[in-house]
Amino acid sequence: MGDVYLLDYGAGNVRSLVNAVHKLGYTLKTIDSAADFDKAEKILFPGVGEFGHAMRSLEAKGFVAPLKAYLQSGRPFFGICVGMQTLFEGSEEAPQAHGLGAIPGRAKCFDRTTKTVPHIGWNRLDVRKALPQDPSGAQLANTLGVDETERYYFVHSFAVPFDEVQHRPFVLATTRYGDETFVSAVQYGRMLGTQFHPEKSGPAGLRLIQAFLAADPTAPCILPTNSADVIYRQPTTQQSDGFTTRIIACLDVRDNDQGDLVVTKGDQYDVRERDTAAGDVRNLGKPVELAETYYRQGADEITFLNITSFRNVPMQDLPMLEVLRRASENIFVPLTVGGGIRDVTDPDGRHYSALAVAGAYFRSGADKVSIGSDAVYAAEAYWRDGQQLTGTTAIETIANAYGAQAVVISVDPRRVYVADPADTPHHTVPTQCRGPNGEQYCWYQCTVKGGREGRDLDVRQLVVACQALGAGEILLNCMDRDGTNAGYDLELIRDVKQAVTIPVIASSGAGHPAHFAEVIDATGVEATLAAGIFHRKEVPIATVKEYLTTRGYAVRPTSTNLD
């Protein structure tokens, strides 16, 4: 085959797509100039972040005109996420920016009053384009190979609403999210696009990339390109949507006393063994090997939380950057990294912004960054300064460059009991777990520095501020439940879910599969996270998914991730 080129305008994690292509036995070249469009036999265009930023970047590089010419030539093209959206006329995310105009329609934001936004997680596709047959009986329309029985990974706030009349003959598949149906895959001749990320959709997504790479670009293209020749069929399922609750494996990573990088787990954040004289750091495995195991077992996402000392100099954090590089070579579900995402000054005096730090992690294979202590400080400033957005916080700068979906807020709260809500200026919740003196109320105090320091800020203040600053997701821990196996703190999670419209990940306290069902029922969280029970093999990920599936919960089948 000829040369396959990557169109990269510098947004988000493209390493995963490059790794996926390499995993499939192909190589990629990068489009560095307008002249490269004439050399390309196939083009992959991944996009992450804001629509306007993508189009401005293409214009600044002088790529818009040659890209349009490439599309008009009929050569193979595969746009991913924002890369697909650029094929349309525009997006209300950036009203002044013009898309490539190859397909009619404009992207719009999901309705935040009826669902959480961004749409983050695994969902199904409904193939809408009828499948005409050639004389030999071969089906021709769905050459991309999308499979209605699979789930694919979405992460976006904007999507193109499906219009059956306007979108003939462009739209291959649609997806429902709550009460909205949007375009999730397009195919017009050899021009393909997906709103979801195939490189983050496990083996099902790799098969789509393989189909694109393996297709003969010189073979006659006989797909219908006239609206009159295209018939859309109705969805094969009558369910409201195929959105699933994510099961996330979390790995706390740090260096031990021997200088080795290990996965550890603590009890109320104490990661040292209590039954040994030396009090060694608890060692539960090597980060990359353990992460690959969880991927094969069916984890929907994997989170690395960097709790070691070298996170203070992340630009020299070669061990953690190497963990991400190696993990992303064989793991094709989303990777999140947390710890040290803030403005830093290295020992040699060089200063790096939080945006630069995040960029280093994205280039190494991370899809999202998790911000902890720095989010607390930003929230304190937000309330102190009259809820003003400065545009300078880590949350704002990273979200503006890479999109809200790339920013996760890791919340580490602890309970403070009060006899009466009037005893504190903070937001309180009634609790069934009485305090040491029989108190029936508590407020959740935010902490920094790995839970070692409490702040005069409650959880509701934090999450409301962080959503306003542009964060796209909340990772909600609970210091009181950490390591207890007593179940998630439902009172905390329910209260936070009521306060924000962005997705919430429930963390801390899972001890058996019933706890996952309990928190989904009681709070409606979009994702659940666990660590210790997975590391100690007390409850495998497959067991959790099997338990939920047999009881009617929507989860991505484990078998789709076995390779």
Protein backbone atom coordinates (compact mmCIF):
# COMPACT_ATOMS: atom_id res chain seq x y z
CA MET A 1 0.00 0.00 0.00
CA GLY A 2 1.00 3.61 -0.37
CA ASP A 3 1.75 6.19 2.28
CA VAL A 4 -0.68 6.72 5.17
CA TYR A 5 -0.44 10.18 6.67
CA LEU A 6 -1.50 11.58 10.04
CA LEU A 7 -3.00 15.06 10.06
CA ASP A 8 -2.05 16.35 13.51
CA TYR A 9 -2.73 19.95 14.47
CA GLY A 10 -1.37 19.51 18.01
CA ALA A 11 -4.48 18.76 20.04
CA GLY A 12 -4.70 16.02 22.65
CA ASN A 13 -3.34 12.51 22.60
CA VAL A 14 -2.53 11.28 19.10
CA ARG A 15 0.00 8.77 20.45
CA SER A 16 -2.79 6.23 20.97
CA LEU A 17 -3.82 6.40 17.32
CA VAL A 18 -0.20 6.08 16.20
CA ASN A 19 0.23 3.11 18.54
CA ALA A 20 -2.96 1.51 17.22
CA VAL A 21 -1.73 1.82 13.63
CA HIS A 22 1.65 0.35 14.59
CA LYS A 23 -0.07 -2.46 16.51
CA LEU A 24 -1.90 -3.36 13.31
CA GLY A 25 1.38 -3.56 11.40
CA TYR A 26 1.30 -0.24 9.55
CA THR A 27 3.38 2.92 9.70
CA LEU A 28 2.35 6.56 9.63
CA LYS A 29 3.90 9.68 8.23
CA THR A 30 2.96 13.14 9.48
CA ILE A 31 1.65 15.90 7.25
CA ASP A 32 4.15 18.71 7.76
CA SER A 33 3.33 20.89 4.77
CA ALA A 34 0.63 21.49 2.17
CA ALA A 35 2.67 19.51 -0.34
CA ASP A 36 2.25 16.34 1.74
CA PHE A 37 -1.45 16.16 0.81
CA ASP A 38 -0.43 15.29 -2.76
CA LYS A 39 1.81 12.48 -1.47
CA ALA A 40 -0.79 10.90 0.79
CA GLU A 41 -2.69 7.83 -0.33
CA LYS A 42 -4.72 7.77 2.90
CA ILE A 43 -5.17 10.33 5.68
CA LEU A 44 -6.14 9.87 9.34
CA PHE A 45 -7.34 13.05 11.06
CA PRO A 46 -7.87 12.75 14.83
CA GLY A 47 -9.29 15.78 16.59
CA VAL A 48 -9.65 16.56 20.27
CA GLY A 49 -10.80 19.78 21.89
CA GLU A 50 -12.57 22.83 20.55
CA PHE A 51 -13.90 23.04 16.99
CA GLY A 52 -12.72 26.61 16.46
CA HIS A 53 -9.21 25.78 17.63
CA ALA A 54 -9.05 22.90 15.16
CA MET A 55 -10.11 25.04 12.19
CA ARG A 56 -7.85 27.94 13.20
CA SER A 57 -4.92 25.54 13.47
CA LEU A 58 -5.62 24.13 10.01
CA GLU A 59 -5.86 27.64 8.58
CA ALA A 60 -2.66 28.80 10.30
CA LYS A 61 -0.79 25.87 8.77
CA GLY A 62 -2.24 26.53 5.33
CA PHE A 63 -3.97 23.14 5.32
CA VAL A 64 -7.60 24.05 4.62
CA ALA A 65 -7.39 24.43 0.83
CA PRO A 66 -5.22 21.32 0.22
CA LEU A 67 -7.41 19.29 2.59
CA LYS A 68 -10.53 20.29 0.66
CA ALA A 69 -8.77 19.36 -2.58
CA TYR A 70 -7.80 16.00 -1.10
CA LEU A 71 -11.39 15.27 -0.10
CA GLN A 72 -12.66 16.24 -3.54
CA SER A 73 -10.15 13.87 -5.13
CA GLY A 74 -11.95 10.91 -3.58
CA ARG A 75 -8.90 9.46 -1.84
CA PRO A 76 -9.44 7.67 1.51
CA PHE A 77 -9.91 9.90 4.55
CA PHE A 78 -10.81 9.01 8.15
CA GLY A 79 -11.78 11.84 10.52
CA ILE A 80 -12.11 11.08 14.24
CA CYS A 81 -14.18 13.09 16.78
CA VAL A 82 -13.52 16.78 16.01
CA GLY A 83 -11.78 15.51 12.88
CA MET A 84 -15.17 14.24 11.73
CA GLN A 85 -16.98 17.40 12.84
CA THR A 86 -14.72 19.55 10.64
CA LEU A 87 -16.26 17.81 7.62
CA PHE A 88 -19.54 19.61 8.38
CA GLU A 89 -20.39 23.27 7.86
CA GLY A 90 -19.63 24.43 11.38
CA SER A 91 -20.36 24.14 15.08
CA GLU A 92 -22.12 26.30 17.62
CA GLU A 93 -19.05 25.72 19.79
CA ALA A 94 -17.30 28.29 17.56
CA PRO A 95 -19.99 30.13 15.55
CA GLN A 96 -17.49 32.24 13.60
CA ALA A 97 -15.43 29.27 12.44
CA HIS A 98 -16.29 27.64 9.12
CA GLY A 99 -15.98 23.90 8.68
CA LEU A 100 -14.83 22.18 5.51
CA GLY A 101 -18.42 21.98 4.24
CA ALA A 102 -18.14 18.49 2.76
CA ILE A 103 -21.32 17.44 4.61
CA PRO A 104 -24.36 19.62 5.44
CA GLY A 105 -25.16 20.33 9.08
CA ARG A 106 -23.68 21.92 12.18
CA ALA A 107 -22.63 20.48 15.53
CA LYS A 108 -24.60 21.58 18.60
CA CYS A 109 -24.13 21.15 22.32
CA PHE A 110 -26.10 18.42 24.06
CA ASP A 111 -28.99 19.60 26.22
CA ARG A 112 -27.46 20.00 29.70
CA THR A 113 -30.88 20.11 31.37
CA THR A 114 -31.69 16.50 30.51
CA LYS A 115 -28.32 14.75 30.74
CA THR A 116 -24.74 15.07 31.92
CA VAL A 117 -22.38 16.80 29.52
CA PRO A 118 -19.79 15.90 28.23
CA HIS A 119 -21.04 12.57 26.89
CA ILE A 120 -18.22 10.38 28.22
CA GLY A 121 -18.38 6.63 27.95
CA TRP A 122 -19.28 3.64 25.84
CA ASN A 123 -22.36 3.65 23.61
CA ARG A 124 -23.82 1.69 20.72
CA LEU A 125 -24.31 2.58 17.07
CA ASP A 126 -27.36 2.16 14.87
CA VAL A 127 -26.34 1.57 11.24
CA ARG A 128 -28.80 3.67 9.25
CA LYS A 129 -27.60 3.38 5.67
CA ALA A 130 -29.18 0.49 3.77
CA LEU A 131 -26.75 -2.15 2.56
CA PRO A 132 -27.00 -2.49 -1.22
CA GLN A 133 -25.46 -5.57 -2.79
CA ASP A 134 -23.36 -5.97 -5.89
CA PRO A 135 -24.02 -8.85 -8.31
CA SER A 136 -21.79 -11.17 -6.29
CA GLY A 137 -23.90 -10.56 -3.19
CA ALA A 138 -21.24 -8.66 -1.23
CA GLN A 139 -22.54 -5.94 1.06
CA LEU A 140 -21.03 -2.63 0.06
CA ALA A 141 -22.25 0.24 2.20
CA ASN A 142 -20.75 -0.49 5.62
CA THR A 143 -17.14 -0.79 4.47
CA LEU A 144 -16.01 0.85 7.72
CA GLY A 145 -17.17 -2.26 9.53
CA VAL A 146 -19.09 -0.69 12.42
CA ASP A 147 -20.84 -3.31 14.51
CA GLU A 148 -24.20 -2.71 16.19
CA THR A 149 -23.47 -5.38 18.79
CA GLU A 150 -20.38 -3.55 20.08
CA ARG A 151 -19.87 -0.47 22.26
CA TYR A 152 -17.55 2.35 21.21
CA TYR A 153 -15.93 5.08 23.31
CA PHE A 154 -17.31 8.63 23.06
CA VAL A 155 -16.02 11.76 24.76
CA HIS A 156 -17.60 15.01 23.52
CA SER A 157 -19.99 17.83 24.39
CA PHE A 158 -20.97 18.76 20.83
CA ALA A 159 -22.47 16.55 18.14
CA VAL A 160 -24.31 16.91 14.83
CA PRO A 161 -28.06 16.22 15.27
CA PHE A 162 -29.25 13.61 12.79
CA ASP A 163 -31.48 14.81 9.96
CA GLU A 164 -32.60 11.94 7.71
CA VAL A 165 -33.37 14.22 4.77
CA GLN A 166 -30.38 16.53 4.99
CA HIS A 167 -27.87 13.78 5.65
CA ARG A 168 -28.56 11.49 2.72
CA PRO A 169 -26.31 9.89 1.61
CA PHE A 170 -23.59 10.84 4.08
CA VAL A 171 -24.51 9.34 7.44
CA LEU A 172 -23.66 5.71 8.05
CA ALA A 173 -24.65 5.40 11.72
CA THR A 174 -26.31 7.32 14.52
CA THR A 175 -26.26 7.06 18.30
CA ARG A 176 -28.75 8.04 20.97
CA TYR A 177 -27.67 9.80 24.13
CA GLY A 178 -30.67 10.22 26.35
CA ASP A 179 -33.33 11.99 24.32
CA GLU A 180 -31.05 13.09 21.46
CA THR A 181 -29.97 11.26 18.29
CA PHE A 182 -26.71 12.40 16.73
CA VAL A 183 -24.42 11.46 13.85
CA SER A 184 -21.83 8.94 15.05
CA ALA A 185 -20.36 7.72 11.75
CA VAL A 186 -20.27 9.10 8.20
CA GLN A 187 -19.32 7.46 4.93
CA TYR A 188 -19.45 9.16 1.55
CA GLY A 189 -17.39 7.35 -1.04
CA ARG A 190 -13.99 6.90 0.61
CA MET A 191 -14.54 9.74 3.07
CA LEU A 192 -15.14 8.24 6.52
CA GLY A 193 -15.60 9.70 9.97
CA THR A 194 -16.56 8.70 13.50
CA GLN A 195 -17.65 10.83 16.43
CA PHE A 196 -16.30 8.15 18.75
CA HIS A 197 -12.63 7.24 19.19
CA PRO A 198 -11.84 3.86 17.57
CA GLU A 199 -8.31 3.97 18.99
CA LYS A 200 -9.86 4.04 22.47
CA SER A 201 -12.60 1.48 21.75
CA GLY A 202 -10.60 -1.68 22.40
CA PRO A 203 -10.52 -4.50 19.82
CA ALA A 204 -13.81 -3.33 18.28
CA GLY A 205 -12.22 0.02 17.46
CA LEU A 206 -9.00 -1.55 16.20
CA ARG A 207 -11.04 -3.54 13.70
CA LEU A 208 -12.41 -0.30 12.24
CA ILE A 209 -8.93 1.17 11.84
CA GLN A 210 -7.78 -2.10 10.29
CA ALA A 211 -10.63 -1.99 7.77
CA PHE A 212 -9.62 1.53 6.72
CA LEU A 213 -5.93 0.73 6.45
CA ALA A 214 -6.44 -2.56 4.59
CA ALA A 215 -8.94 -1.25 2.01
CA ASP A 216 -7.63 -1.03 -1.55
CA PRO A 217 -7.68 2.68 -2.45
CA THR A 218 -7.56 1.87 -6.16
CA ALA A 219 -10.60 -0.41 -6.18
CA PRO A 220 -13.74 1.05 -7.81
CA CYS A 221 -15.93 2.93 -5.35
CA ILE A 222 -19.52 2.00 -6.16
CA LEU A 223 -21.24 3.21 -3.00
CA PRO A 224 -24.32 5.33 -3.73
CA THR A 225 -23.57 9.06 -3.73
CA ASN A 226 -26.97 10.22 -4.92
CA SER A 227 -29.62 10.89 -2.29
CA ALA A 228 -32.27 9.13 -4.33
CA ASP A 229 -30.29 5.89 -4.22
CA VAL A 230 -29.95 5.80 -0.44
CA ILE A 231 -32.52 4.33 1.93
CA TYR A 232 -32.19 4.78 5.66
CA ARG A 233 -33.46 2.03 7.88
CA GLN A 234 -34.84 2.51 11.36
CA PRO A 235 -32.72 1.57 14.38
CA THR A 236 -32.70 -2.12 15.14
CA THR A 237 -33.16 -1.51 18.85
CA GLN A 238 -35.97 0.32 20.60
CA GLN A 239 -33.96 1.10 23.71
CA SER A 240 -33.49 4.76 24.57
CA ASP A 241 -29.75 4.48 24.12
CA GLY A 242 -26.87 2.06 24.66
CA PHE A 243 -24.93 4.18 27.14
CA THR A 244 -23.10 2.06 29.70
CA THR A 245 -21.77 2.66 33.20
CA ARG A 246 -17.98 2.61 33.10
CA ILE A 247 -15.95 0.35 35.39
CA ILE A 248 -12.57 2.00 35.98
CA ALA A 249 -9.42 0.44 37.42
CA CYS A 250 -7.25 2.85 39.43
CA LEU A 251 -3.54 2.40 40.06
CA ASP A 252 -1.78 4.47 42.75
CA VAL A 253 1.81 4.65 41.52
CA ARG A 254 4.88 5.62 43.53
CA ASP A 255 8.52 4.70 44.05
CA ASN A 256 9.23 2.38 46.95
CA ASP A 257 12.19 2.43 49.32
CA GLN A 258 14.26 0.46 46.84
CA GLY A 259 13.65 2.98 44.07
CA ASP A 260 11.30 0.77 42.06
CA LEU A 261 8.06 2.11 40.60
CA VAL A 262 5.17 0.09 42.04
CA VAL A 263 1.40 0.07 42.32
CA THR A 264 0.37 0.51 45.93
CA LYS A 265 -2.81 0.98 47.93
CA GLY A 266 -3.42 2.51 51.32
CA ASP A 267 -5.90 2.58 54.16
CA GLN A 268 -6.98 6.19 54.59
CA TYR A 269 -4.04 7.03 52.28
CA ASP A 270 -1.39 5.22 54.39
CA VAL A 271 0.48 3.08 51.85
CA ARG A 272 3.00 1.47 54.21
CA GLU A 273 2.68 -2.02 55.60
CA ARG A 274 1.74 -2.06 59.27
CA ASP A 275 2.72 -5.64 59.98
CA THR A 276 6.41 -5.36 59.07
CA ALA A 277 9.16 -3.82 61.16
CA ALA A 278 10.45 -1.79 58.24
CA GLY A 279 7.04 -0.47 57.27
CA ASP A 280 7.76 -0.97 53.57
CA VAL A 281 5.66 0.64 50.86
CA ARG A 282 2.91 -1.81 49.94
CA ASN A 283 3.81 -3.38 46.59
CA LEU A 284 0.88 -4.73 44.55
CA GLY A 285 2.57 -5.01 41.19
CA LYS A 286 4.24 -3.16 38.33
CA PRO A 287 2.17 -0.35 36.78
CA VAL A 288 2.31 -1.26 33.09
CA GLU A 289 1.87 -5.01 33.60
CA LEU A 290 -1.05 -4.52 35.97
CA ALA A 291 -2.71 -1.98 33.66
CA GLU A 292 -2.43 -4.37 30.71
CA THR A 293 -4.01 -7.10 32.81
CA TYR A 294 -6.97 -4.87 33.63
CA TYR A 295 -7.35 -3.94 29.98
CA ARG A 296 -7.56 -7.62 29.01
CA GLN A 297 -10.04 -8.21 31.84
CA GLY A 298 -12.39 -5.55 30.47
CA ALA A 299 -11.63 -2.28 32.29
CA ASP A 300 -13.42 0.56 30.51
CA GLU A 301 -10.78 3.07 31.57
CA ILE A 302 -7.53 3.02 33.53
CA THR A 303 -6.40 5.77 35.87
CA PHE A 304 -2.82 6.27 37.07
CA LEU A 305 -2.51 8.45 40.17
CA ASN A 306 1.09 9.51 40.68
CA ILE A 307 1.60 9.72 44.45
CA THR A 308 5.39 9.65 44.50
CA SER A 309 7.86 12.42 45.21
CA PHE A 310 9.05 12.92 41.63
CA ARG A 311 5.67 14.34 40.65
CA ASN A 312 7.06 17.62 42.05
CA VAL A 313 9.21 17.87 38.92
CA PRO A 314 6.92 16.36 36.28
CA MET A 315 8.89 17.64 33.30
CA GLN A 316 11.73 15.44 34.56
CA ASP A 317 9.30 12.71 35.62
CA LEU A 318 10.79 10.17 33.28
CA PRO A 319 9.42 7.13 35.13
CA MET A 320 5.77 8.21 34.95
CA LEU A 321 6.06 9.47 31.40
CA GLU A 322 7.58 6.13 30.47
CA VAL A 323 4.70 4.30 32.19
CA LEU A 324 2.24 6.18 29.96
CA ARG A 325 4.31 5.59 26.81
CA ARG A 326 4.56 1.85 27.43
CA ALA A 327 0.97 1.43 28.63
CA SER A 328 -0.46 3.20 25.58
CA GLU A 329 1.37 0.82 23.24
CA ASN A 330 -0.94 -2.08 24.12
CA ILE A 331 -3.90 -0.55 25.98
CA PHE A 332 -6.63 0.87 23.77
CA VAL A 333 -9.04 2.31 26.31
CA PRO A 334 -8.77 5.80 27.84
CA LEU A 335 -5.86 6.53 30.20
CA THR A 336 -6.02 9.21 32.89
CA VAL A 337 -3.03 10.46 34.86
CA GLY A 338 -3.11 12.53 38.03
CA GLY A 339 -0.58 14.01 40.42
CA GLY A 340 1.46 17.17 40.00
CA ILE A 341 -0.67 18.79 37.26
CA ARG A 342 0.08 22.42 38.11
CA ASP A 343 2.56 25.24 37.44
CA VAL A 344 5.99 23.98 38.50
CA THR A 345 9.58 25.12 38.65
CA ASP A 346 12.19 22.42 38.17
CA PRO A 347 15.31 22.33 40.35
CA ASP A 348 17.32 23.97 37.57
CA GLY A 349 15.02 27.00 37.76
CA ARG A 350 13.02 26.43 34.57
CA HIS A 351 9.33 27.22 34.95
CA TYR A 352 6.58 25.21 33.31
CA SER A 353 2.90 26.06 33.19
CA ALA A 354 0.24 23.52 34.09
CA LEU A 355 -0.69 23.51 30.40
CA ALA A 356 2.86 22.51 29.47
CA VAL A 357 2.87 19.80 32.13
CA ALA A 358 -0.45 18.42 30.86
CA GLY A 359 0.85 18.55 27.30
CA ALA A 360 3.82 16.38 28.25
CA TYR A 361 1.49 13.75 29.70
CA PHE A 362 -0.85 13.90 26.69
CA ARG A 363 2.07 13.42 24.30
CA SER A 364 3.16 10.42 26.35
CA GLY A 365 -0.19 8.67 26.01
CA ALA A 366 -2.64 10.17 28.53
CA ASP A 367 -6.15 11.05 27.36
CA LYS A 368 -7.16 12.98 30.47
CA VAL A 369 -5.37 14.65 33.35
CA SER A 370 -6.65 14.63 36.92
CA ILE A 371 -6.14 17.76 38.99
CA GLY A 372 -6.28 17.58 42.79
CA SER A 373 -4.76 20.15 45.11
CA ASP A 374 -4.48 22.81 42.44
CA ALA A 375 -8.22 22.55 41.84
CA VAL A 376 -8.87 23.31 45.51
CA TYR A 377 -6.71 26.43 45.35
CA ALA A 378 -8.44 27.53 42.14
CA ALA A 379 -11.88 27.03 43.72
CA GLU A 380 -10.86 29.07 46.77
CA ALA A 381 -9.80 31.92 44.49
CA TYR A 382 -13.00 31.60 42.45
CA TRP A 383 -15.21 32.21 45.49
CA ARG A 384 -12.89 34.77 47.05
CA ASP A 385 -12.79 36.87 43.86
CA GLY A 386 -16.53 36.98 43.25
CA GLN A 387 -16.82 33.96 40.92
CA GLN A 388 -14.67 35.58 38.26
CA LEU A 389 -12.96 33.52 35.57
CA THR A 390 -9.40 34.67 35.03
CA GLY A 391 -8.50 32.26 32.26
CA THR A 392 -5.21 31.55 34.02
CA THR A 393 -5.98 28.54 36.25
CA ALA A 394 -4.77 25.08 35.30
CA ILE A 395 -8.37 23.97 34.75
CA GLU A 396 -9.12 26.83 32.38
CA THR A 397 -5.93 26.73 30.34
CA ILE A 398 -6.00 22.96 29.84
CA ALA A 399 -9.74 22.87 29.09
CA ASN A 400 -9.42 25.74 26.59
CA ALA A 401 -6.63 23.96 24.74
CA TYR A 402 -7.73 20.32 24.94
CA GLY A 403 -11.44 20.50 25.79
CA ALA A 404 -13.37 20.09 29.04
CA GLN A 405 -13.38 16.31 28.61
CA ALA A 406 -9.61 16.27 29.14
CA VAL A 407 -9.84 17.73 32.67
CA VAL A 408 -10.86 15.55 35.62
CA ILE A 409 -11.08 16.97 39.14
CA SER A 410 -9.90 14.52 41.81
CA VAL A 411 -11.70 15.34 45.07
CA ASP A 412 -10.31 14.09 48.40
CA PRO A 413 -12.83 15.05 51.12
CA ARG A 414 -13.32 13.97 54.71
CA ARG A 415 -16.33 14.22 56.96
CA VAL A 416 -16.65 16.94 59.61
CA TYR A 417 -19.62 16.21 61.89
CA VAL A 418 -21.86 18.93 63.32
CA ALA A 419 -24.86 18.75 65.61
CA ASP A 420 -26.76 21.39 63.66
CA PRO A 421 -26.31 22.93 60.17
CA ALA A 422 -26.23 26.33 61.86
CA ASP A 423 -22.94 25.34 63.49
CA THR A 424 -21.01 25.80 60.25
CA PRO A 425 -21.14 28.13 57.23
CA HIS A 426 -20.51 25.12 54.99
CA HIS A 427 -23.02 23.06 53.05
CA THR A 428 -24.14 20.14 55.21
CA VAL A 429 -25.96 16.89 54.55
CA PRO A 430 -28.03 14.80 56.96
CA THR A 431 -26.27 11.52 57.59
CA GLN A 432 -27.24 8.04 58.71
CA CYS A 433 -23.65 7.57 59.90
CA ARG A 434 -23.68 9.35 63.23
CA GLY A 435 -20.71 11.34 64.44
CA PRO A 436 -18.66 10.47 67.55
CA ASN A 437 -21.08 12.43 69.74
CA GLY A 438 -24.22 11.37 67.91
CA GLU A 439 -24.14 14.24 65.38
CA GLN A 440 -26.72 13.82 62.61
CA TYR A 441 -25.13 16.20 60.07
CA CYS A 442 -21.77 16.56 58.39
CA TRP A 443 -20.01 18.66 55.83
CA TYR A 444 -17.28 17.37 53.56
CA GLN A 445 -14.01 19.21 53.96
CA CYS A 446 -11.71 19.40 50.95
CA THR A 447 -8.09 18.43 51.48
CA VAL A 448 -4.81 19.02 49.65
CA LYS A 449 -1.37 17.45 49.65
CA GLY A 450 -2.65 13.89 49.47
CA GLY A 451 -5.19 14.39 52.24
CA ARG A 452 -2.65 15.70 54.74
CA GLU A 453 -4.04 19.24 54.94
CA GLY A 454 -7.68 20.30 55.35
CA ARG A 455 -8.99 23.54 53.83
CA ASP A 456 -11.87 25.86 54.66
CA LEU A 457 -13.75 24.71 51.56
CA ASP A 458 -16.53 22.16 51.24
CA VAL A 459 -17.05 19.70 48.44
CA ARG A 460 -20.07 21.44 46.97
CA GLN A 461 -18.12 24.71 46.73
CA LEU A 462 -15.29 22.84 45.02
CA VAL A 463 -17.28 20.97 42.38
CA VAL A 464 -19.50 23.94 41.50
CA ALA A 465 -16.44 26.16 41.06
CA CYS A 466 -14.54 23.57 39.02
CA GLN A 467 -17.46 23.04 36.65
CA ALA A 468 -17.66 26.81 36.14
CA LEU A 469 -13.91 26.90 35.45
CA GLY A 470 -14.33 24.34 32.67
CA ALA A 471 -13.69 20.89 34.15
CA GLY A 472 -15.40 18.00 32.39
CA GLU A 473 -15.57 15.30 35.05
CA ILE A 474 -15.41 14.71 38.82
CA LEU A 475 -13.45 11.82 40.37
CA LEU A 476 -15.07 11.70 43.80
CA ASN A 477 -13.02 9.98 46.47
CA CYS A 478 -13.85 9.71 50.19
CA MET A 479 -11.09 9.57 52.78
CA ASP A 480 -13.44 8.05 55.37
CA ARG A 481 -14.26 5.08 53.11
CA ASP A 482 -10.85 4.56 51.50
CA GLY A 483 -9.62 1.01 52.08
CA THR A 484 -12.63 0.02 54.19
CA ASN A 485 -14.47 -2.21 51.65
CA ALA A 486 -17.65 -0.90 53.32
CA GLY A 487 -19.19 0.52 50.16
CA TYR A 488 -19.24 3.92 48.52
CA ASP A 489 -20.29 7.02 50.49
CA LEU A 490 -23.74 7.35 48.94
CA GLU A 491 -24.59 10.54 50.84
CA LEU A 492 -21.52 12.31 49.48
CA ILE A 493 -21.96 11.05 45.92
CA ARG A 494 -25.68 11.82 45.79
CA ASP A 495 -25.05 15.38 47.00
CA VAL A 496 -22.34 16.04 44.41
CA LYS A 497 -24.46 14.57 41.60
CA GLN A 498 -27.20 17.04 42.48
CA ALA A 499 -24.75 19.95 42.40
CA VAL A 500 -23.20 19.48 38.93
CA THR A 501 -24.17 18.53 35.39
CA ILE A 502 -20.83 16.99 34.41
CA PRO A 503 -20.15 13.25 34.83
CA VAL A 504 -19.20 11.90 38.26
CA ILE A 505 -16.95 8.90 38.97
CA ALA A 506 -17.66 7.20 42.31
CA SER A 507 -14.53 6.12 44.17
CA SER A 508 -13.44 4.73 47.57
CA GLY A 509 -14.98 1.89 49.53
CA ALA A 510 -15.96 -0.83 47.05
CA GLY A 511 -15.73 -4.26 48.66
CA HIS A 512 -17.92 -6.55 46.56
CA PRO A 513 -19.96 -6.40 43.32
CA ALA A 514 -23.18 -5.38 45.09
CA HIS A 515 -21.54 -2.06 46.04
CA PHE A 516 -21.26 -1.13 42.35
CA ALA A 517 -24.96 -1.77 41.79
CA GLU A 518 -25.84 0.07 44.99
CA VAL A 519 -24.07 3.29 44.01
CA ILE A 520 -25.48 3.23 40.47
CA ASP A 521 -29.03 2.82 41.82
CA ALA A 522 -28.70 5.36 44.61
CA THR A 523 -26.88 8.14 42.77
CA GLY A 524 -26.94 7.60 39.01
CA VAL A 525 -23.19 8.05 38.60
CA GLU A 526 -21.74 7.63 35.14
CA ALA A 527 -18.76 5.57 36.31
CA THR A 528 -17.46 3.59 39.26
CA LEU A 529 -13.80 3.19 40.21
CA ALA A 530 -12.01 0.68 42.38
CA ALA A 531 -8.43 -0.19 43.21
CA GLY A 532 -7.63 -2.45 46.15
CA ILE A 533 -10.20 -5.17 45.44
CA PHE A 534 -8.86 -5.45 41.88
CA HIS A 535 -5.19 -5.39 42.91
CA ARG A 536 -5.68 -8.03 45.60
CA LYS A 537 -7.78 -10.15 43.22
CA GLU A 538 -10.64 -10.15 45.73
CA VAL A 539 -13.16 -9.11 43.08
CA PRO A 540 -12.03 -9.29 39.42
CA ILE A 541 -13.37 -6.76 36.94
CA ALA A 542 -15.10 -9.55 35.01
CA THR A 543 -16.96 -10.57 38.16
CA VAL A 544 -18.24 -7.02 38.66
CA LYS A 545 -19.45 -6.82 35.07
CA GLU A 546 -21.05 -10.23 35.17
CA TYR A 547 -22.87 -9.32 38.38
CA LEU A 548 -24.19 -6.09 36.88
CA THR A 549 -25.11 -7.65 33.54
CA THR A 550 -27.14 -10.47 35.05
CA ARG A 551 -29.12 -7.87 37.01
CA GLY A 552 -29.94 -5.75 33.98
CA TYR A 553 -27.38 -2.96 34.28
CA ALA A 554 -25.90 -1.60 31.05
CA VAL A 555 -22.17 -2.34 30.99
CA ARG A 556 -19.77 -3.05 28.16
CA PRO A 557 -19.34 -6.83 27.87
CA THR A 558 -15.97 -8.07 29.09
CA SER A 559 -15.57 -10.30 26.04
CA THR A 560 -15.23 -7.29 23.73
CA ASN A 561 -11.91 -6.46 25.35
CA LEU A 562 -10.25 -9.88 25.31
CA ASP A 563 -7.46 -10.28 22.78
